[in-house]
Structures are given as structure tokens and as C-alpha cells.
């Protein structure tokens, strides 16, 4: 017989529960663009309309592994977000500020 996840979780040690919760948060905080779009409740067509491009352009962009920051910024802003560029080092993180004035570019 299958066990309910809530029953299994309740039997976990508090430290294990905390580790599992932290891992779940990390997974939710990091996702590909297509999953982010879906999580925001947007279809490719809806996003394409906001960006004034065709839907295949959105599909193509979501598959890219390399793109201009201005393209990524316009995509994120069309979803209602804000793009920040953060450099992480062992002794701390620094927000890179010279990308703040990038204009929006059309998705190619």
C-alpha cells in the first residue's frame, strides 16, 4: 500500500525536513524560461503579443542557451518581472549596475 507524502514527511527528522524544504525552494528559484513563463500563467502566444513578435520567436528564444541581455530583459519584463545581473563570489554577491540602461530589444 502506498504511503501519503505528508505521513512520510511527518516521520522525517526536523533537520531532514528543513533540508528538503530548502532544496524545494532552490528548485523553485531556478528554472528555464519556458517553465518560468508557464509558472506566470502565460502562453507563448500571449507573450508574443506583448513583445510584438510571432509565437515561433518565443519558442526559439526559450531554447537558446546564449542571448543578448537586452533580449532576455525584454522577455522578463514582458512577463512582469525585472532582470538583475548578479555576480556571486565566495565572499559575497555584487549587482552589476551598468546594464540598467539597456533599451528593450525585439526578440529575434
PDB file of N, CA and C in Angstrom:
ATOM      1  N   UNK A   1       0.837  -1.190   0.000  1.00  0.00           N
ATOM      2  CA  UNK A   1       0.000   0.000   0.000  1.00  0.00           C
ATOM      3  C   UNK A   1       0.879   1.249   0.000  1.00  0.00           C
ATOM      4  N   UNK A   2       0.488   2.253  -0.770  1.00  0.00           N
ATOM      5  CA  UNK A   2       1.259   3.485  -0.881  1.00  0.00           C
ATOM      6  C   UNK A   2       1.064   4.357   0.350  1.00  0.00           C
ATOM      7  N   UNK A   3       2.121   5.058   0.710  1.00  0.00           N
ATOM      8  CA  UNK A   3       2.062   5.984   1.834  1.00  0.00           C
ATOM      9  C   UNK A   3       1.798   7.391   1.320  1.00  0.00           C
ATOM     10  N   UNK A   4       1.089   8.177   2.116  1.00  0.00           N
ATOM     11  CA  UNK A   4       0.888   9.581   1.786  1.00  0.00           C
ATOM     12  C   UNK A   4       2.195  10.317   2.052  1.00  0.00           C
ATOM     13  N   UNK A   5       2.520  11.261   1.173  1.00  0.00           N
ATOM     14  CA  UNK A   5       3.757  12.015   1.350  1.00  0.00           C
ATOM     15  C   UNK A   5       3.745  12.775   2.666  1.00  0.00           C
ATOM     16  N   UNK A   6       2.600  13.307   3.044  1.00  0.00           N
ATOM     17  CA  UNK A   6       2.521  14.054   4.305  1.00  0.00           C
ATOM     18  C   UNK A   6       2.846  13.158   5.497  1.00  0.00           C
ATOM     19  N   UNK A   7       2.463  11.876   5.430  1.00  0.00           N
ATOM     20  CA  UNK A   7       2.797  10.938   6.511  1.00  0.00           C
ATOM     21  C   UNK A   7       4.302  10.679   6.546  1.00  0.00           C
ATOM     22  N   UNK A   8       4.878  10.469   5.366  1.00  0.00           N
ATOM     23  CA  UNK A   8       6.329  10.240   5.297  1.00  0.00           C
ATOM     24  C   UNK A   8       7.093  11.454   5.816  1.00  0.00           C
ATOM     25  N   UNK A   9       6.665  12.650   5.393  1.00  0.00           N
ATOM     26  CA  UNK A   9       7.348  13.877   5.812  1.00  0.00           C
ATOM     27  C   UNK A   9       7.256  14.053   7.321  1.00  0.00           C
ATOM     28  N   UNK A  10       6.098  13.737   7.904  1.00  0.00           N
ATOM     29  CA  UNK A  10       5.933  13.919   9.348  1.00  0.00           C
ATOM     30  C   UNK A  10       6.853  13.001  10.146  1.00  0.00           C
ATOM     31  N   UNK A  11       7.264  11.892   9.544  1.00  0.00           N
ATOM     32  CA  UNK A  11       8.176  10.960  10.228  1.00  0.00           C
ATOM     33  C   UNK A  11       9.643  11.332  10.036  1.00  0.00           C
ATOM     34  N   UNK A  12       9.920  12.319   9.191  1.00  0.00           N
ATOM     35  CA  UNK A  12      11.308  12.745   8.962  1.00  0.00           C
ATOM     36  C   UNK A  12      11.801  13.556  10.157  1.00  0.00           C
ATOM     37  N   UNK A  13      13.092  13.483  10.407  1.00  0.00           N
ATOM     38  CA  UNK A  13      13.699  14.304  11.455  1.00  0.00           C
ATOM     39  C   UNK A  13      13.553  15.781  11.067  1.00  0.00           C
ATOM     40  N   UNK A  14      13.460  16.681  12.047  1.00  0.00           N
ATOM     41  CA  UNK A  14      13.316  18.113  11.746  1.00  0.00           C
ATOM     42  C   UNK A  14      14.421  18.641  10.811  1.00  0.00           C
ATOM     43  N   UNK A  15      15.655  18.128  10.998  1.00  0.00           N
ATOM     44  CA  UNK A  15      16.757  18.577  10.142  1.00  0.00           C
ATOM     45  C   UNK A  15      16.531  18.120   8.704  1.00  0.00           C
ATOM     46  N   UNK A  16      16.032  16.920   8.516  1.00  0.00           N
ATOM     47  CA  UNK A  16      15.753  16.399   7.175  1.00  0.00           C
ATOM     48  C   UNK A  16      14.619  17.178   6.530  1.00  0.00           C
ATOM     49  N   UNK A  17      13.609  17.535   7.324  1.00  0.00           N
ATOM     50  CA  UNK A  17      12.510  18.343   6.806  1.00  0.00           C
ATOM     51  C   UNK A  17      13.030  19.708   6.340  1.00  0.00           C
ATOM     52  N   UNK A  18      13.913  20.291   7.129  1.00  0.00           N
ATOM     53  CA  UNK A  18      14.477  21.598   6.773  1.00  0.00           C
ATOM     54  C   UNK A  18      15.306  21.503   5.497  1.00  0.00           C
ATOM     55  N   UNK A  19      16.109  20.435   5.366  1.00  0.00           N
ATOM     56  CA  UNK A  19      16.907  20.243   4.148  1.00  0.00           C
ATOM     57  C   UNK A  19      16.017  20.061   2.934  1.00  0.00           C
ATOM     58  N   UNK A  20      14.951  19.284   3.084  1.00  0.00           N
ATOM     59  CA  UNK A  20      14.023  19.056   1.980  1.00  0.00           C
ATOM     60  C   UNK A  20      13.324  20.353   1.578  1.00  0.00           C
ATOM     61  N   UNK A  21      12.932  21.143   2.559  1.00  0.00           N
ATOM     62  CA  UNK A  21      12.274  22.425   2.262  1.00  0.00           C
ATOM     63  C   UNK A  21      13.236  23.377   1.552  1.00  0.00           C
ATOM     64  N   UNK A  22      14.496  23.406   1.993  1.00  0.00           N
ATOM     65  CA  UNK A  22      15.489  24.281   1.357  1.00  0.00           C
ATOM     66  C   UNK A  22      15.754  23.839  -0.081  1.00  0.00           C
ATOM     67  N   UNK A  23      15.833  22.538  -0.297  1.00  0.00           N
ATOM     68  CA  UNK A  23      16.059  22.026  -1.650  1.00  0.00           C
ATOM     69  C   UNK A  23      14.876  22.344  -2.557  1.00  0.00           C
ATOM     70  N   UNK A  24      13.664  22.220  -2.039  1.00  0.00           N
ATOM     71  CA  UNK A  24      12.467  22.550  -2.822  1.00  0.00           C
ATOM     72  C   UNK A  24      12.468  24.028  -3.186  1.00  0.00           C
ATOM     73  N   UNK A  25      12.831  24.909  -2.245  1.00  0.00           N
ATOM     74  CA  UNK A  25      12.898  26.344  -2.529  1.00  0.00           C
ATOM     75  C   UNK A  25      13.940  26.639  -3.596  1.00  0.00           C
ATOM     76  N   UNK A  26      15.087  25.979  -3.521  1.00  0.00           N
ATOM     77  CA  UNK A  26      16.141  26.192  -4.516  1.00  0.00           C
ATOM     78  C   UNK A  26      15.666  25.761  -5.904  1.00  0.00           C
ATOM     79  N   UNK A  27      14.930  24.659  -5.973  1.00  0.00           N
ATOM     80  CA  UNK A  27      14.424  24.193  -7.261  1.00  0.00           C
ATOM     81  C   UNK A  27      13.401  25.176  -7.829  1.00  0.00           C
ATOM     82  N   UNK A  28      12.573  25.763  -6.973  1.00  0.00           N
ATOM     83  CA  UNK A  28      11.578  26.726  -7.429  1.00  0.00           C
ATOM     84  C   UNK A  28      12.210  28.054  -7.821  1.00  0.00           C
ATOM     85  N   UNK A  29      13.370  28.379  -7.235  1.00  0.00           N
ATOM     86  CA  UNK A  29      14.041  29.644  -7.516  1.00  0.00           C
ATOM     87  C   UNK A  29      14.863  29.592  -8.796  1.00  0.00           C
ATOM     88  N   UNK A  30      15.013  28.427  -9.392  1.00  0.00           N
ATOM     89  CA  UNK A  30      15.835  28.281 -10.585  1.00  0.00           C
ATOM     90  C   UNK A  30      15.076  27.439 -11.595  1.00  0.00           C
ATOM     91  N   UNK A  31      14.763  28.038 -12.747  1.00  0.00           N
ATOM     92  CA  UNK A  31      14.036  27.299 -13.774  1.00  0.00           C
ATOM     93  C   UNK A  31      14.298  27.894 -15.148  1.00  0.00           C
ATOM     94  N   UNK A  32      14.143  27.088 -16.183  1.00  0.00           N
ATOM     95  CA  UNK A  32      14.314  27.597 -17.537  1.00  0.00           C
ATOM     96  C   UNK A  32      13.208  28.592 -17.895  1.00  0.00           C
ATOM     97  N   UNK A  33      13.455  29.407 -18.922  1.00  0.00           N
ATOM     98  CA  UNK A  33      12.493  30.429 -19.326  1.00  0.00           C
ATOM     99  C   UNK A  33      11.109  29.870 -19.633  1.00  0.00           C
ATOM    100  N   UNK A  34      11.037  28.727 -20.311  1.00  0.00           N
ATOM    101  CA  UNK A  34       9.714  28.196 -20.651  1.00  0.00           C
ATOM    102  C   UNK A  34       8.931  27.819 -19.396  1.00  0.00           C
ATOM    103  N   UNK A  35       9.593  27.273 -18.397  1.00  0.00           N
ATOM    104  CA  UNK A  35       8.911  26.928 -17.151  1.00  0.00           C
ATOM    105  C   UNK A  35       8.511  28.184 -16.384  1.00  0.00           C
ATOM    106  N   UNK A  36       9.363  29.204 -16.433  1.00  0.00           N
ATOM    107  CA  UNK A  36       9.044  30.473 -15.782  1.00  0.00           C
ATOM    108  C   UNK A  36       7.804  31.092 -16.423  1.00  0.00           C
ATOM    109  N   UNK A  37       7.755  31.089 -17.753  1.00  0.00           N
ATOM    110  CA  UNK A  37       6.598  31.626 -18.480  1.00  0.00           C
ATOM    111  C   UNK A  37       5.329  30.881 -18.068  1.00  0.00           C
ATOM    112  N   UNK A  38       5.411  29.549 -18.042  1.00  0.00           N
ATOM    113  CA  UNK A  38       4.249  28.744 -17.668  1.00  0.00           C
ATOM    114  C   UNK A  38       3.834  29.000 -16.219  1.00  0.00           C
ATOM    115  N   UNK A  39       4.811  29.131 -15.336  1.00  0.00           N
ATOM    116  CA  UNK A  39       4.513  29.405 -13.926  1.00  0.00           C
ATOM    117  C   UNK A  39       3.826  30.755 -13.755  1.00  0.00           C
ATOM    118  N   UNK A  40       4.116  31.682 -14.671  1.00  0.00           N
ATOM    119  CA  UNK A  40       3.484  33.008 -14.640  1.00  0.00           C
ATOM    120  C   UNK A  40       2.110  32.988 -15.303  1.00  0.00           C
ATOM    121  N   UNK A  41       1.709  31.826 -15.819  1.00  0.00           N
ATOM    122  CA  UNK A  41       0.390  31.686 -16.425  1.00  0.00           C
ATOM    123  C   UNK A  41       0.289  32.273 -17.824  1.00  0.00           C
ATOM    124  N   UNK A  42       1.413  32.327 -18.528  1.00  0.00           N
ATOM    125  CA  UNK A  42       1.441  32.898 -19.877  1.00  0.00           C
ATOM    126  C   UNK A  42       1.689  31.821 -20.922  1.00  0.00           C
ATOM    127  N   UNK A  43       1.029  31.940 -22.048  1.00  0.00           N
ATOM    128  CA  UNK A  43       1.319  31.066 -23.184  1.00  0.00           C
ATOM    129  C   UNK A  43       2.363  31.763 -24.056  1.00  0.00           C
ATOM    130  N   UNK A  44       2.972  31.014 -24.959  1.00  0.00           N
ATOM    131  CA  UNK A  44       3.915  31.621 -25.893  1.00  0.00           C
ATOM    132  C   UNK A  44       3.201  32.678 -26.734  1.00  0.00           C
ATOM    133  N   UNK A  45       1.982  32.404 -27.120  1.00  0.00           N
ATOM    134  CA  UNK A  45       1.223  33.345 -27.939  1.00  0.00           C
ATOM    135  C   UNK A  45       0.967  34.647 -27.186  1.00  0.00           C
ATOM    136  N   UNK A  46       0.586  34.546 -25.920  1.00  0.00           N
ATOM    137  CA  UNK A  46       0.327  35.739 -25.116  1.00  0.00           C
ATOM    138  C   UNK A  46       1.590  36.588 -24.984  1.00  0.00           C
ATOM    139  N   UNK A  47       2.714  35.932 -24.714  1.00  0.00           N
ATOM    140  CA  UNK A  47       3.973  36.647 -24.569  1.00  0.00           C
ATOM    141  C   UNK A  47       4.391  37.283 -25.888  1.00  0.00           C
ATOM    142  N   UNK A  48       4.170  36.575 -26.987  1.00  0.00           N
ATOM    143  CA  UNK A  48       4.493  37.105 -28.313  1.00  0.00           C
ATOM    144  C   UNK A  48       3.698  38.382 -28.595  1.00  0.00           C
ATOM    145  N   UNK A  49       2.436  38.399 -28.196  1.00  0.00           N
ATOM    146  CA  UNK A  49       1.613  39.588 -28.408  1.00  0.00           C
ATOM    147  C   UNK A  49       2.153  40.777 -27.626  1.00  0.00           C
ATOM    148  N   UNK A  50       2.572  40.562 -26.395  1.00  0.00           N
ATOM    149  CA  UNK A  50       3.128  41.638 -25.574  1.00  0.00           C
ATOM    150  C   UNK A  50       4.416  42.179 -26.201  1.00  0.00           C
ATOM    151  N   UNK A  51       5.243  41.271 -26.738  1.00  0.00           N
ATOM    152  CA  UNK A  51       6.526  41.669 -27.327  1.00  0.00           C
ATOM    153  C   UNK A  51       6.425  42.080 -28.797  1.00  0.00           C
ATOM    154  N   UNK A  52       5.231  41.966 -29.372  1.00  0.00           N
ATOM    155  CA  UNK A  52       5.002  42.316 -30.784  1.00  0.00           C
ATOM    156  C   UNK A  52       5.888  41.497 -31.722  1.00  0.00           C
ATOM    157  N   UNK A  53       5.921  40.196 -31.457  1.00  0.00           N
ATOM    158  CA  UNK A  53       6.652  39.245 -32.310  1.00  0.00           C
ATOM    159  C   UNK A  53       5.734  38.063 -32.586  1.00  0.00           C
ATOM    160  N   UNK A  54       6.169  37.167 -33.435  1.00  0.00           N
ATOM    161  CA  UNK A  54       5.409  35.953 -33.726  1.00  0.00           C
ATOM    162  C   UNK A  54       5.709  34.893 -32.667  1.00  0.00           C
ATOM    163  N   UNK A  55       4.771  33.989 -32.437  1.00  0.00           N
ATOM    164  CA  UNK A  55       4.925  32.940 -31.439  1.00  0.00           C
ATOM    165  C   UNK A  55       6.166  32.082 -31.670  1.00  0.00           C
ATOM    166  N   UNK A  56       6.517  31.723 -32.922  1.00  0.00           N
ATOM    167  CA  UNK A  56       7.740  30.914 -33.100  1.00  0.00           C
ATOM    168  C   UNK A  56       9.008  31.597 -32.581  1.00  0.00           C
ATOM    169  N   UNK A  57       9.009  32.937 -32.533  1.00  0.00           N
ATOM    170  CA  UNK A  57      10.163  33.654 -31.979  1.00  0.00           C
ATOM    171  C   UNK A  57      10.317  33.379 -30.489  1.00  0.00           C
ATOM    172  N   UNK A  58       9.199  33.260 -29.804  1.00  0.00           N
ATOM    173  CA  UNK A  58       9.240  32.957 -28.369  1.00  0.00           C
ATOM    174  C   UNK A  58       9.757  31.537 -28.159  1.00  0.00           C
ATOM    175  N   UNK A  59       9.241  30.597 -28.949  1.00  0.00           N
ATOM    176  CA  UNK A  59       9.692  29.206 -28.839  1.00  0.00           C
ATOM    177  C   UNK A  59      11.191  29.112 -29.097  1.00  0.00           C
ATOM    178  N   UNK A  60      11.676  29.819 -30.092  1.00  0.00           N
ATOM    179  CA  UNK A  60      13.095  29.800 -30.440  1.00  0.00           C
ATOM    180  C   UNK A  60      13.941  30.388 -29.303  1.00  0.00           C
ATOM    181  N   UNK A  61      13.481  31.492 -28.748  1.00  0.00           N
ATOM    182  CA  UNK A  61      14.238  32.132 -27.678  1.00  0.00           C
ATOM    183  C   UNK A  61      14.313  31.251 -26.435  1.00  0.00           C
ATOM    184  N   UNK A  62      13.222  30.552 -26.126  1.00  0.00           N
ATOM    185  CA  UNK A  62      13.209  29.710 -24.938  1.00  0.00           C
ATOM    186  C   UNK A  62      14.164  28.527 -25.053  1.00  0.00           C
ATOM    187  N   UNK A  63      14.585  28.206 -26.253  1.00  0.00           N
ATOM    188  CA  UNK A  63      15.522  27.095 -26.455  1.00  0.00           C
ATOM    189  C   UNK A  63      16.976  27.557 -26.492  1.00  0.00           C
ATOM    190  N   UNK A  64      17.194  28.864 -26.566  1.00  0.00           N
ATOM    191  CA  UNK A  64      18.554  29.390 -26.658  1.00  0.00           C
ATOM    192  C   UNK A  64      19.325  29.198 -25.358  1.00  0.00           C
ATOM    193  N   UNK A  65      20.611  29.013 -25.495  1.00  0.00           N
ATOM    194  CA  UNK A  65      21.479  28.975 -24.316  1.00  0.00           C
ATOM    195  C   UNK A  65      22.358  30.219 -24.252  1.00  0.00           C
ATOM    196  N   UNK A  66      22.313  31.045 -25.296  1.00  0.00           N
ATOM    197  CA  UNK A  66      23.122  32.261 -25.353  1.00  0.00           C
ATOM    198  C   UNK A  66      22.289  33.346 -26.020  1.00  0.00           C
ATOM    199  N   UNK A  67      22.207  34.528 -25.391  1.00  0.00           N
ATOM    200  CA  UNK A  67      21.422  35.622 -25.974  1.00  0.00           C
ATOM    201  C   UNK A  67      21.899  36.948 -25.409  1.00  0.00           C
ATOM    202  N   UNK A  68      21.479  38.027 -26.056  1.00  0.00           N
ATOM    203  CA  UNK A  68      21.785  39.363 -25.561  1.00  0.00           C
ATOM    204  C   UNK A  68      21.034  39.610 -24.259  1.00  0.00           C
ATOM    205  N   UNK A  69      21.654  40.372 -23.353  1.00  0.00           N
ATOM    206  CA  UNK A  69      20.974  40.734 -22.112  1.00  0.00           C
ATOM    207  C   UNK A  69      19.720  41.546 -22.398  1.00  0.00           C
ATOM    208  N   UNK A  70      19.767  42.406 -23.411  1.00  0.00           N
ATOM    209  CA  UNK A  70      18.596  43.227 -23.739  1.00  0.00           C
ATOM    210  C   UNK A  70      17.428  42.351 -24.188  1.00  0.00           C
ATOM    211  N   UNK A  71      17.705  41.261 -24.892  1.00  0.00           N
ATOM    212  CA  UNK A  71      16.653  40.341 -25.318  1.00  0.00           C
ATOM    213  C   UNK A  71      16.054  39.638 -24.108  1.00  0.00           C
ATOM    214  N   UNK A  72      16.919  39.149 -23.222  1.00  0.00           N
ATOM    215  CA  UNK A  72      16.440  38.489 -22.014  1.00  0.00           C
ATOM    216  C   UNK A  72      15.657  39.465 -21.146  1.00  0.00           C
ATOM    217  N   UNK A  73      16.150  40.691 -21.030  1.00  0.00           N
ATOM    218  CA  UNK A  73      15.454  41.695 -20.218  1.00  0.00           C
ATOM    219  C   UNK A  73      14.057  41.960 -20.769  1.00  0.00           C
ATOM    220  N   UNK A  74      13.917  42.109 -22.084  1.00  0.00           N
ATOM    221  CA  UNK A  74      12.594  42.385 -22.650  1.00  0.00           C
ATOM    222  C   UNK A  74      11.648  41.205 -22.400  1.00  0.00           C
ATOM    223  N   UNK A  75      12.168  40.001 -22.482  1.00  0.00           N
ATOM    224  CA  UNK A  75      11.374  38.790 -22.234  1.00  0.00           C
ATOM    225  C   UNK A  75      10.890  38.764 -20.780  1.00  0.00           C
ATOM    226  N   UNK A  76      11.785  39.019 -19.851  1.00  0.00           N
ATOM    227  CA  UNK A  76      11.444  39.016 -18.422  1.00  0.00           C
ATOM    228  C   UNK A  76      10.458  40.142 -18.108  1.00  0.00           C
ATOM    229  N   UNK A  77      10.687  41.332 -18.659  1.00  0.00           N
ATOM    230  CA  UNK A  77       9.789  42.457 -18.404  1.00  0.00           C
ATOM    231  C   UNK A  77       8.403  42.198 -18.985  1.00  0.00           C
ATOM    232  N   UNK A  78       8.323  41.506 -20.120  1.00  0.00           N
ATOM    233  CA  UNK A  78       7.025  41.174 -20.712  1.00  0.00           C
ATOM    234  C   UNK A  78       6.240  40.227 -19.808  1.00  0.00           C
ATOM    235  N   UNK A  79       6.944  39.471 -18.966  1.00  0.00           N
ATOM    236  CA  UNK A  79       6.286  38.579 -18.008  1.00  0.00           C
ATOM    237  C   UNK A  79       5.967  39.293 -16.702  1.00  0.00           C
ATOM    238  N   UNK A  80       6.324  40.587 -16.630  1.00  0.00           N
ATOM    239  CA  UNK A  80       6.036  41.359 -15.424  1.00  0.00           C
ATOM    240  C   UNK A  80       7.170  41.383 -14.416  1.00  0.00           C
ATOM    241  N   UNK A  81       8.349  40.918 -14.835  1.00  0.00           N
ATOM    242  CA  UNK A  81       9.485  40.860 -13.919  1.00  0.00           C
ATOM    243  C   UNK A  81      10.529  41.927 -14.205  1.00  0.00           C
ATOM    244  N   UNK A  82      11.617  41.815 -13.502  1.00  0.00           N
ATOM    245  CA  UNK A  82      12.753  42.724 -13.648  1.00  0.00           C
ATOM    246  C   UNK A  82      14.014  41.878 -13.653  1.00  0.00           C
ATOM    247  N   UNK A  83      14.910  42.137 -14.602  1.00  0.00           N
ATOM    248  CA  UNK A  83      16.147  41.377 -14.699  1.00  0.00           C
ATOM    249  C   UNK A  83      17.268  42.100 -13.973  1.00  0.00           C
ATOM    250  N   UNK A  84      17.954  41.398 -13.086  1.00  0.00           N
ATOM    251  CA  UNK A  84      19.143  41.904 -12.418  1.00  0.00           C
ATOM    252  C   UNK A  84      20.289  40.971 -12.757  1.00  0.00           C
ATOM    253  N   UNK A  85      21.464  41.541 -12.996  1.00  0.00           N
ATOM    254  CA  UNK A  85      22.657  40.740 -13.246  1.00  0.00           C
ATOM    255  C   UNK A  85      23.479  40.765 -11.965  1.00  0.00           C
ATOM    256  N   UNK A  86      23.670  39.575 -11.387  1.00  0.00           N
ATOM    257  CA  UNK A  86      24.370  39.436 -10.111  1.00  0.00           C
ATOM    258  C   UNK A  86      25.613  38.573 -10.305  1.00  0.00           C
ATOM    259  N   UNK A  87      26.754  39.068  -9.842  1.00  0.00           N
ATOM    260  CA  UNK A  87      27.987  38.274  -9.839  1.00  0.00           C
ATOM    261  C   UNK A  87      28.166  37.734  -8.420  1.00  0.00           C
ATOM    262  N   UNK A  88      28.318  36.422  -8.311  1.00  0.00           N
ATOM    263  CA  UNK A  88      28.469  35.795  -6.989  1.00  0.00           C
ATOM    264  C   UNK A  88      29.909  35.331  -6.806  1.00  0.00           C
ATOM    265  N   UNK A  89      30.481  35.705  -5.679  1.00  0.00           N
ATOM    266  CA  UNK A  89      31.850  35.347  -5.325  1.00  0.00           C
ATOM    267  C   UNK A  89      31.827  34.658  -3.968  1.00  0.00           C
ATOM    268  N   UNK A  90      32.895  33.949  -3.614  1.00  0.00           N
ATOM    269  CA  UNK A  90      32.912  33.283  -2.305  1.00  0.00           C
ATOM    270  C   UNK A  90      32.685  34.245  -1.142  1.00  0.00           C
ATOM    271  N   UNK A  91      33.112  35.508  -1.292  1.00  0.00           N
ATOM    272  CA  UNK A  91      32.975  36.463  -0.189  1.00  0.00           C
ATOM    273  C   UNK A  91      31.759  37.381  -0.332  1.00  0.00           C
ATOM    274  N   UNK A  92      30.866  37.107  -1.294  1.00  0.00           N
ATOM    275  CA  UNK A  92      29.659  37.916  -1.416  1.00  0.00           C
ATOM    276  C   UNK A  92      29.191  38.079  -2.852  1.00  0.00           C
ATOM    277  N   UNK A  93      28.070  38.745  -3.018  1.00  0.00           N
ATOM    278  CA  UNK A  93      27.470  38.967  -4.331  1.00  0.00           C
ATOM    279  C   UNK A  93      27.454  40.455  -4.643  1.00  0.00           C
ATOM    280  N   UNK A  94      27.559  40.769  -5.941  1.00  0.00           N
ATOM    281  CA  UNK A  94      27.560  42.155  -6.386  1.00  0.00           C
ATOM    282  C   UNK A  94      26.586  42.280  -7.552  1.00  0.00           C
ATOM    283  N   UNK A  95      25.664  43.239  -7.462  1.00  0.00           N
ATOM    284  CA  UNK A  95      24.761  43.516  -8.582  1.00  0.00           C
ATOM    285  C   UNK A  95      25.523  44.382  -9.583  1.00  0.00           C
ATOM    286  N   UNK A  96      25.564  43.944 -10.830  1.00  0.00           N
ATOM    287  CA  UNK A  96      26.254  44.697 -11.885  1.00  0.00           C
ATOM    288  C   UNK A  96      25.294  45.783 -12.358  1.00  0.00           C
ATOM    289  N   UNK A  97      25.695  47.049 -12.196  1.00  0.00           N
ATOM    290  CA  UNK A  97      24.776  48.154 -12.441  1.00  0.00           C
ATOM    291  C   UNK A  97      24.828  48.729 -13.849  1.00  0.00           C
ATOM    292  N   UNK A  98      25.864  48.454 -14.626  1.00  0.00           N
ATOM    293  CA  UNK A  98      25.951  49.122 -15.924  1.00  0.00           C
ATOM    294  C   UNK A  98      25.051  48.516 -16.987  1.00  0.00           C
ATOM    295  N   UNK A  99      24.189  47.552 -16.637  1.00  0.00           N
ATOM    296  CA  UNK A  99      23.219  47.015 -17.579  1.00  0.00           C
ATOM    297  C   UNK A  99      21.841  47.620 -17.347  1.00  0.00           C
ATOM    298  N   UNK A 100      21.728  48.524 -16.411  1.00  0.00           N
ATOM    299  CA  UNK A 100      20.440  49.109 -16.069  1.00  0.00           C
ATOM    300  C   UNK A 100      19.832  49.971 -17.146  1.00  0.00           C
ATOM    301  N   UNK A 101      20.636  50.552 -18.027  1.00  0.00           N
ATOM    302  CA  UNK A 101      20.118  51.452 -19.042  1.00  0.00           C
ATOM    303  C   UNK A 101      19.944  50.809 -20.395  1.00  0.00           C
ATOM    304  N   UNK A 102      20.000  49.475 -20.462  1.00  0.00           N
ATOM    305  CA  UNK A 102      19.804  48.795 -21.743  1.00  0.00           C
ATOM    306  C   UNK A 102      18.389  49.029 -22.233  1.00  0.00           C
ATOM    307  N   UNK A 103      18.259  49.350 -23.503  1.00  0.00           N
ATOM    308  CA  UNK A 103      16.929  49.504 -24.085  1.00  0.00           C
ATOM    309  C   UNK A 103      16.331  48.153 -24.389  1.00  0.00           C
ATOM    310  N   UNK A 104      15.038  48.099 -24.531  1.00  0.00           N
ATOM    311  CA  UNK A 104      14.375  46.838 -24.894  1.00  0.00           C
ATOM    312  C   UNK A 104      14.648  46.533 -26.344  1.00  0.00           C
ATOM    313  N   UNK A 105      14.980  45.279 -26.624  1.00  0.00           N
ATOM    314  CA  UNK A 105      15.226  44.845 -27.999  1.00  0.00           C
ATOM    315  C   UNK A 105      14.180  43.810 -28.381  1.00  0.00           C
ATOM    316  N   UNK A 106      13.846  43.756 -29.629  1.00  0.00           N
ATOM    317  CA  UNK A 106      12.892  42.763 -30.095  1.00  0.00           C
ATOM    318  C   UNK A 106      13.534  41.383 -30.053  1.00  0.00           C
ATOM    319  N   UNK A 107      12.720  40.395 -29.776  1.00  0.00           N
ATOM    320  CA  UNK A 107      13.204  39.024 -29.760  1.00  0.00           C
ATOM    321  C   UNK A 107      13.443  38.597 -31.190  1.00  0.00           C
ATOM    322  N   UNK A 108      14.638  38.086 -31.453  1.00  0.00           N
ATOM    323  CA  UNK A 108      14.966  37.657 -32.820  1.00  0.00           C
ATOM    324  C   UNK A 108      14.615  36.209 -33.016  1.00  0.00           C
TER     325      UNK A 108
END
